[in-house]
PDB file of N, CA and C in Angstrom:
ATOM      1  N   MET A   1      19.172 -22.072  -1.191  1.00  0.00           N
ATOM      2  CA  MET A   1      20.584 -21.864  -0.942  1.00  0.00           C
ATOM      3  C   MET A   1      21.368 -23.079  -1.415  1.00  0.00           C
ATOM      4  N   LYS A   2      22.528 -22.822  -1.915  1.00  0.00           N
ATOM      5  CA  LYS A   2      23.393 -23.912  -2.340  1.00  0.00           C
ATOM      6  C   LYS A   2      23.992 -24.611  -1.128  1.00  0.00           C
ATOM      7  N   LYS A   3      24.418 -25.845  -1.339  1.00  0.00           N
ATOM      8  CA  LYS A   3      25.005 -26.607  -0.247  1.00  0.00           C
ATOM      9  C   LYS A   3      26.306 -25.964   0.238  1.00  0.00           C
ATOM     10  N   GLU A   4      27.103 -25.436  -0.700  1.00  0.00           N
ATOM     11  CA  GLU A   4      28.376 -24.788  -0.321  1.00  0.00           C
ATOM     12  C   GLU A   4      28.128 -23.579   0.557  1.00  0.00           C
ATOM     13  N   GLN A   5      27.092 -22.823   0.242  1.00  0.00           N
ATOM     14  CA  GLN A   5      26.798 -21.626   1.030  1.00  0.00           C
ATOM     15  C   GLN A   5      26.329 -22.014   2.430  1.00  0.00           C
ATOM     16  N   LYS A   6      25.531 -23.070   2.533  1.00  0.00           N
ATOM     17  CA  LYS A   6      25.088 -23.536   3.854  1.00  0.00           C
ATOM     18  C   LYS A   6      26.275 -24.030   4.673  1.00  0.00           C
ATOM     19  N   GLU A   7      27.214 -24.713   4.016  1.00  0.00           N
ATOM     20  CA  GLU A   7      28.395 -25.214   4.717  1.00  0.00           C
ATOM     21  C   GLU A   7      29.250 -24.049   5.218  1.00  0.00           C
ATOM     22  N   LYS A   8      29.357 -22.994   4.416  1.00  0.00           N
ATOM     23  CA  LYS A   8      30.152 -21.835   4.825  1.00  0.00           C
ATOM     24  C   LYS A   8      29.506 -21.130   6.019  1.00  0.00           C
ATOM     25  N   ILE A   9      28.177 -21.050   6.013  1.00  0.00           N
ATOM     26  CA  ILE A   9      27.477 -20.427   7.134  1.00  0.00           C
ATOM     27  C   ILE A   9      27.695 -21.243   8.400  1.00  0.00           C
ATOM     28  N   SER A  10      27.667 -22.567   8.292  1.00  0.00           N
ATOM     29  CA  SER A  10      27.915 -23.426   9.458  1.00  0.00           C
ATOM     30  C   SER A  10      29.335 -23.229   9.980  1.00  0.00           C
ATOM     31  N   PHE A  11      30.310 -23.152   9.070  1.00  0.00           N
ATOM     32  CA  PHE A  11      31.704 -22.937   9.466  1.00  0.00           C
ATOM     33  C   PHE A  11      31.851 -21.624  10.217  1.00  0.00           C
ATOM     34  N   VAL A  12      31.265 -20.563   9.677  1.00  0.00           N
ATOM     35  CA  VAL A  12      31.366 -19.247  10.316  1.00  0.00           C
ATOM     36  C   VAL A  12      30.656 -19.251  11.666  1.00  0.00           C
ATOM     37  N   GLY A  13      29.528 -19.954  11.771  1.00  0.00           N
ATOM     38  CA  GLY A  13      28.812 -20.038  13.039  1.00  0.00           C
ATOM     39  C   GLY A  13      29.620 -20.739  14.118  1.00  0.00           C
ATOM     40  N   PHE A  14      30.218 -21.892  13.766  1.00  0.00           N
ATOM     41  CA  PHE A  14      31.054 -22.603  14.737  1.00  0.00           C
ATOM     42  C   PHE A  14      32.269 -21.764  15.129  1.00  0.00           C
ATOM     43  N   LEU A  15      32.866 -21.082  14.159  1.00  0.00           N
ATOM     44  CA  LEU A  15      34.040 -20.257  14.436  1.00  0.00           C
ATOM     45  C   LEU A  15      33.680 -19.083  15.346  1.00  0.00           C
ATOM     46  N   THR A  16      32.548 -18.461  15.094  1.00  0.00           N
ATOM     47  CA  THR A  16      32.091 -17.347  15.934  1.00  0.00           C
ATOM     48  C   THR A  16      31.818 -17.821  17.358  1.00  0.00           C
ATOM     49  N   ALA A  17      31.177 -18.972  17.486  1.00  0.00           N
ATOM     50  CA  ALA A  17      30.895 -19.516  18.824  1.00  0.00           C
ATOM     51  C   ALA A  17      32.197 -19.789  19.576  1.00  0.00           C
ATOM     52  N   SER A  18      33.199 -20.324  18.888  1.00  0.00           N
ATOM     53  CA  SER A  18      34.468 -20.612  19.566  1.00  0.00           C
ATOM     54  C   SER A  18      35.153 -19.326  20.021  1.00  0.00           C
ATOM     55  N   ILE A  19      35.101 -18.287  19.210  1.00  0.00           N
ATOM     56  CA  ILE A  19      35.709 -17.007  19.596  1.00  0.00           C
ATOM     57  C   ILE A  19      35.002 -16.429  20.819  1.00  0.00           C
ATOM     58  N   ILE A  20      33.674 -16.523  20.845  1.00  0.00           N
ATOM     59  CA  ILE A  20      32.916 -16.006  21.991  1.00  0.00           C
ATOM     60  C   ILE A  20      33.257 -16.782  23.267  1.00  0.00           C
ATOM     61  N   TYR A  21      33.380 -18.110  23.147  1.00  0.00           N
ATOM     62  CA  TYR A  21      33.762 -18.905  24.321  1.00  0.00           C
ATOM     63  C   TYR A  21      35.176 -18.575  24.788  1.00  0.00           C
ATOM     64  N   PHE A  22      36.099 -18.307  23.857  1.00  0.00           N
ATOM     65  CA  PHE A  22      37.458 -17.923  24.249  1.00  0.00           C
ATOM     66  C   PHE A  22      37.454 -16.585  24.983  1.00  0.00           C
ATOM     67  N   ILE A  23      36.664 -15.637  24.514  1.00  0.00           N
ATOM     68  CA  ILE A  23      36.569 -14.331  25.184  1.00  0.00           C
ATOM     69  C   ILE A  23      35.981 -14.497  26.584  1.00  0.00           C
ATOM     70  N   ALA A  24      34.936 -15.316  26.698  1.00  0.00           N
ATOM     71  CA  ALA A  24      34.335 -15.566  28.018  1.00  0.00           C
ATOM     72  C   ALA A  24      35.337 -16.234  28.948  1.00  0.00           C
ATOM     73  N   SER A  25      36.155 -17.126  28.401  1.00  0.00           N
ATOM     74  CA  SER A  25      37.168 -17.797  29.211  1.00  0.00           C
ATOM     75  C   SER A  25      38.205 -16.806  29.725  1.00  0.00           C
ATOM     76  N   ILE A  26      38.659 -15.928  28.865  1.00  0.00           N
ATOM     77  CA  ILE A  26      39.654 -14.917  29.264  1.00  0.00           C
ATOM     78  C   ILE A  26      39.086 -14.025  30.365  1.00  0.00           C
ATOM     79  N   LEU A  27      37.831 -13.599  30.185  1.00  0.00           N
ATOM     80  CA  LEU A  27      37.210 -12.740  31.200  1.00  0.00           C
ATOM     81  C   LEU A  27      37.059 -13.460  32.535  1.00  0.00           C
ATOM     82  N   ASN A  28      36.754 -14.739  32.504  1.00  0.00           N
ATOM     83  CA  ASN A  28      36.637 -15.500  33.751  1.00  0.00           C
ATOM     84  C   ASN A  28      37.995 -15.737  34.400  1.00  0.00           C
ATOM     85  N   PHE A  29      39.050 -15.906  33.601  1.00  0.00           N
ATOM     86  CA  PHE A  29      40.394 -16.023  34.183  1.00  0.00           C
ATOM     87  C   PHE A  29      40.794 -14.714  34.859  1.00  0.00           C
ATOM     88  N   ILE A  30      40.419 -13.590  34.265  1.00  0.00           N
ATOM     89  CA  ILE A  30      40.725 -12.283  34.866  1.00  0.00           C
ATOM     90  C   ILE A  30      40.000 -12.128  36.205  1.00  0.00           C
ATOM     91  N   ASP A  31      38.762 -12.619  36.280  1.00  0.00           N
ATOM     92  CA  ASP A  31      37.972 -12.529  37.515  1.00  0.00           C
ATOM     93  C   ASP A  31      38.338 -13.600  38.541  1.00  0.00           C
ATOM     94  N   LYS A  32      39.359 -14.405  38.245  1.00  0.00           N
ATOM     95  CA  LYS A  32      39.830 -15.476  39.142  1.00  0.00           C
ATOM     96  C   LYS A  32      38.792 -16.577  39.336  1.00  0.00           C
ATOM     97  N   ASN A  33      37.931 -16.774  38.360  1.00  0.00           N
ATOM     98  CA  ASN A  33      36.927 -17.829  38.396  1.00  0.00           C
ATOM     99  C   ASN A  33      37.408 -18.956  37.479  1.00  0.00           C
ATOM    100  N   THR A  34      38.368 -19.728  37.969  1.00  0.00           N
ATOM    101  CA  THR A  34      39.067 -20.671  37.096  1.00  0.00           C
ATOM    102  C   THR A  34      38.214 -21.859  36.658  1.00  0.00           C
ATOM    103  N   GLY A  35      37.292 -22.305  37.485  1.00  0.00           N
ATOM    104  CA  GLY A  35      36.464 -23.451  37.101  1.00  0.00           C
ATOM    105  C   GLY A  35      35.636 -23.162  35.860  1.00  0.00           C
ATOM    106  N   THR A  36      34.971 -22.028  35.879  1.00  0.00           N
ATOM    107  CA  THR A  36      34.163 -21.630  34.727  1.00  0.00           C
ATOM    108  C   THR A  36      35.049 -21.297  33.537  1.00  0.00           C
ATOM    109  N   ALA A  37      36.195 -20.692  33.795  1.00  0.00           N
ATOM    110  CA  ALA A  37      37.099 -20.326  32.710  1.00  0.00           C
ATOM    111  C   ALA A  37      37.609 -21.561  31.966  1.00  0.00           C
ATOM    112  N   VAL A  38      37.944 -22.602  32.701  1.00  0.00           N
ATOM    113  CA  VAL A  38      38.414 -23.832  32.063  1.00  0.00           C
ATOM    114  C   VAL A  38      37.292 -24.472  31.251  1.00  0.00           C
ATOM    115  N   MET A  39      36.066 -24.423  31.775  1.00  0.00           N
ATOM    116  CA  MET A  39      34.930 -24.981  31.041  1.00  0.00           C
ATOM    117  C   MET A  39      34.721 -24.235  29.717  1.00  0.00           C
ATOM    118  N   PHE A  40      34.756 -22.899  29.759  1.00  0.00           N
ATOM    119  CA  PHE A  40      34.586 -22.123  28.540  1.00  0.00           C
ATOM    120  C   PHE A  40      35.757 -22.326  27.585  1.00  0.00           C
ATOM    121  N   LEU A  41      36.946 -22.520  28.112  1.00  0.00           N
ATOM    122  CA  LEU A  41      38.104 -22.786  27.268  1.00  0.00           C
ATOM    123  C   LEU A  41      37.931 -24.115  26.527  1.00  0.00           C
ATOM    124  N   CYS A  42      37.470 -25.127  27.227  1.00  0.00           N
ATOM    125  CA  CYS A  42      37.226 -26.431  26.593  1.00  0.00           C
ATOM    126  C   CYS A  42      36.124 -26.343  25.544  1.00  0.00           C
ATOM    127  N   LEU A  43      35.066 -25.586  25.845  1.00  0.00           N
ATOM    128  CA  LEU A  43      33.999 -25.414  24.860  1.00  0.00           C
ATOM    129  C   LEU A  43      34.500 -24.663  23.624  1.00  0.00           C
ATOM    130  N   GLY A  44      35.345 -23.658  23.837  1.00  0.00           N
ATOM    131  CA  GLY A  44      35.911 -22.921  22.706  1.00  0.00           C
ATOM    132  C   GLY A  44      36.766 -23.807  21.821  1.00  0.00           C
ATOM    133  N   ILE A  45      37.578 -24.650  22.440  1.00  0.00           N
ATOM    134  CA  ILE A  45      38.412 -25.570  21.674  1.00  0.00           C
ATOM    135  C   ILE A  45      37.544 -26.577  20.920  1.00  0.00           C
ATOM    136  N   SER A  46      36.486 -27.039  21.563  1.00  0.00           N
ATOM    137  CA  SER A  46      35.587 -28.001  20.907  1.00  0.00           C
ATOM    138  C   SER A  46      34.918 -27.392  19.678  1.00  0.00           C
ATOM    139  N   PHE A  47      34.417 -26.177  19.804  1.00  0.00           N
ATOM    140  CA  PHE A  47      33.779 -25.535  18.669  1.00  0.00           C
ATOM    141  C   PHE A  47      34.787 -25.198  17.573  1.00  0.00           C
ATOM    142  N   LEU A  48      36.013 -24.886  17.954  1.00  0.00           N
ATOM    143  CA  LEU A  48      37.044 -24.639  16.947  1.00  0.00           C
ATOM    144  C   LEU A  48      37.342 -25.912  16.166  1.00  0.00           C
ATOM    145  N   CYS A  49      37.446 -27.029  16.867  1.00  0.00           N
ATOM    146  CA  CYS A  49      37.664 -28.315  16.188  1.00  0.00           C
ATOM    147  C   CYS A  49      36.486 -28.674  15.298  1.00  0.00           C
ATOM    148  N   LEU A  50      35.266 -28.412  15.776  1.00  0.00           N
ATOM    149  CA  LEU A  50      34.089 -28.685  14.961  1.00  0.00           C
ATOM    150  C   LEU A  50      34.092 -27.857  13.679  1.00  0.00           C
ATOM    151  N   SER A  51      34.497 -26.604  13.776  1.00  0.00           N
ATOM    152  CA  SER A  51      34.484 -25.758  12.579  1.00  0.00           C
ATOM    153  C   SER A  51      35.479 -26.249  11.541  1.00  0.00           C
ATOM    154  N   PHE A  52      36.675 -26.622  11.964  1.00  0.00           N
ATOM    155  CA  PHE A  52      37.665 -27.079  10.994  1.00  0.00           C
ATOM    156  C   PHE A  52      37.367 -28.487  10.496  1.00  0.00           C
ATOM    157  N   THR A  53      36.759 -29.324  11.316  1.00  0.00           N
ATOM    158  CA  THR A  53      36.337 -30.642  10.850  1.00  0.00           C
ATOM    159  C   THR A  53      35.236 -30.495   9.818  1.00  0.00           C
ATOM    160  N   HIS A  54      34.327 -29.569  10.069  1.00  0.00           N
ATOM    161  CA  HIS A  54      33.247 -29.308   9.125  1.00  0.00           C
ATOM    162  C   HIS A  54      33.789 -28.773   7.807  1.00  0.00           C
ATOM    163  N   LEU A  55      34.834 -27.945   7.877  1.00  0.00           N
ATOM    164  CA  LEU A  55      35.450 -27.395   6.673  1.00  0.00           C
ATOM    165  C   LEU A  55      36.204 -28.476   5.897  1.00  0.00           C
ATOM    166  N   ASN A  56      36.909 -29.358   6.590  1.00  0.00           N
ATOM    167  CA  ASN A  56      37.682 -30.421   5.933  1.00  0.00           C
ATOM    168  C   ASN A  56      36.780 -31.495   5.347  1.00  0.00           C
ATOM    169  N   LYS A  57      35.566 -31.650   5.880  1.00  0.00           N
ATOM    170  CA  LYS A  57      34.646 -32.647   5.370  1.00  0.00           C
ATOM    171  C   LYS A  57      34.279 -32.353   3.913  1.00  0.00           C
ATOM    172  N   ASP A  58      34.223 -31.066   3.562  1.00  0.00           N
ATOM    173  CA  ASP A  58      33.873 -30.686   2.204  1.00  0.00           C
ATOM    174  C   ASP A  58      34.982 -30.975   1.206  1.00  0.00           C
ATOM    175  N   LYS A  59      36.225 -30.977   1.660  1.00  0.00           N
ATOM    176  CA  LYS A  59      37.345 -31.198   0.759  1.00  0.00           C
ATOM    177  C   LYS A  59      37.500 -32.667   0.357  1.00  0.00           C
ATOM    178  N   ASN A  60      37.010 -33.577   1.211  1.00  0.00           N
ATOM    179  CA  ASN A  60      37.138 -35.011   0.925  1.00  0.00           C
ATOM    180  C   ASN A  60      36.107 -35.485  -0.023  1.00  0.00           C
TER     181      ASN A  60
END
């Protein structure tokens, strides 16, 4: 596999993980479980930042 293709797979993986954590956070907020919801929200934001940092690393 080319390096660009591996980088794209990593970007999509981090982005998918962040979306899943955001969905889990929303579901926990609906269930009034705010402690877990905030944790999943923070994890979703972290994975979103990782995906875009990983994407910007290739441009430099």
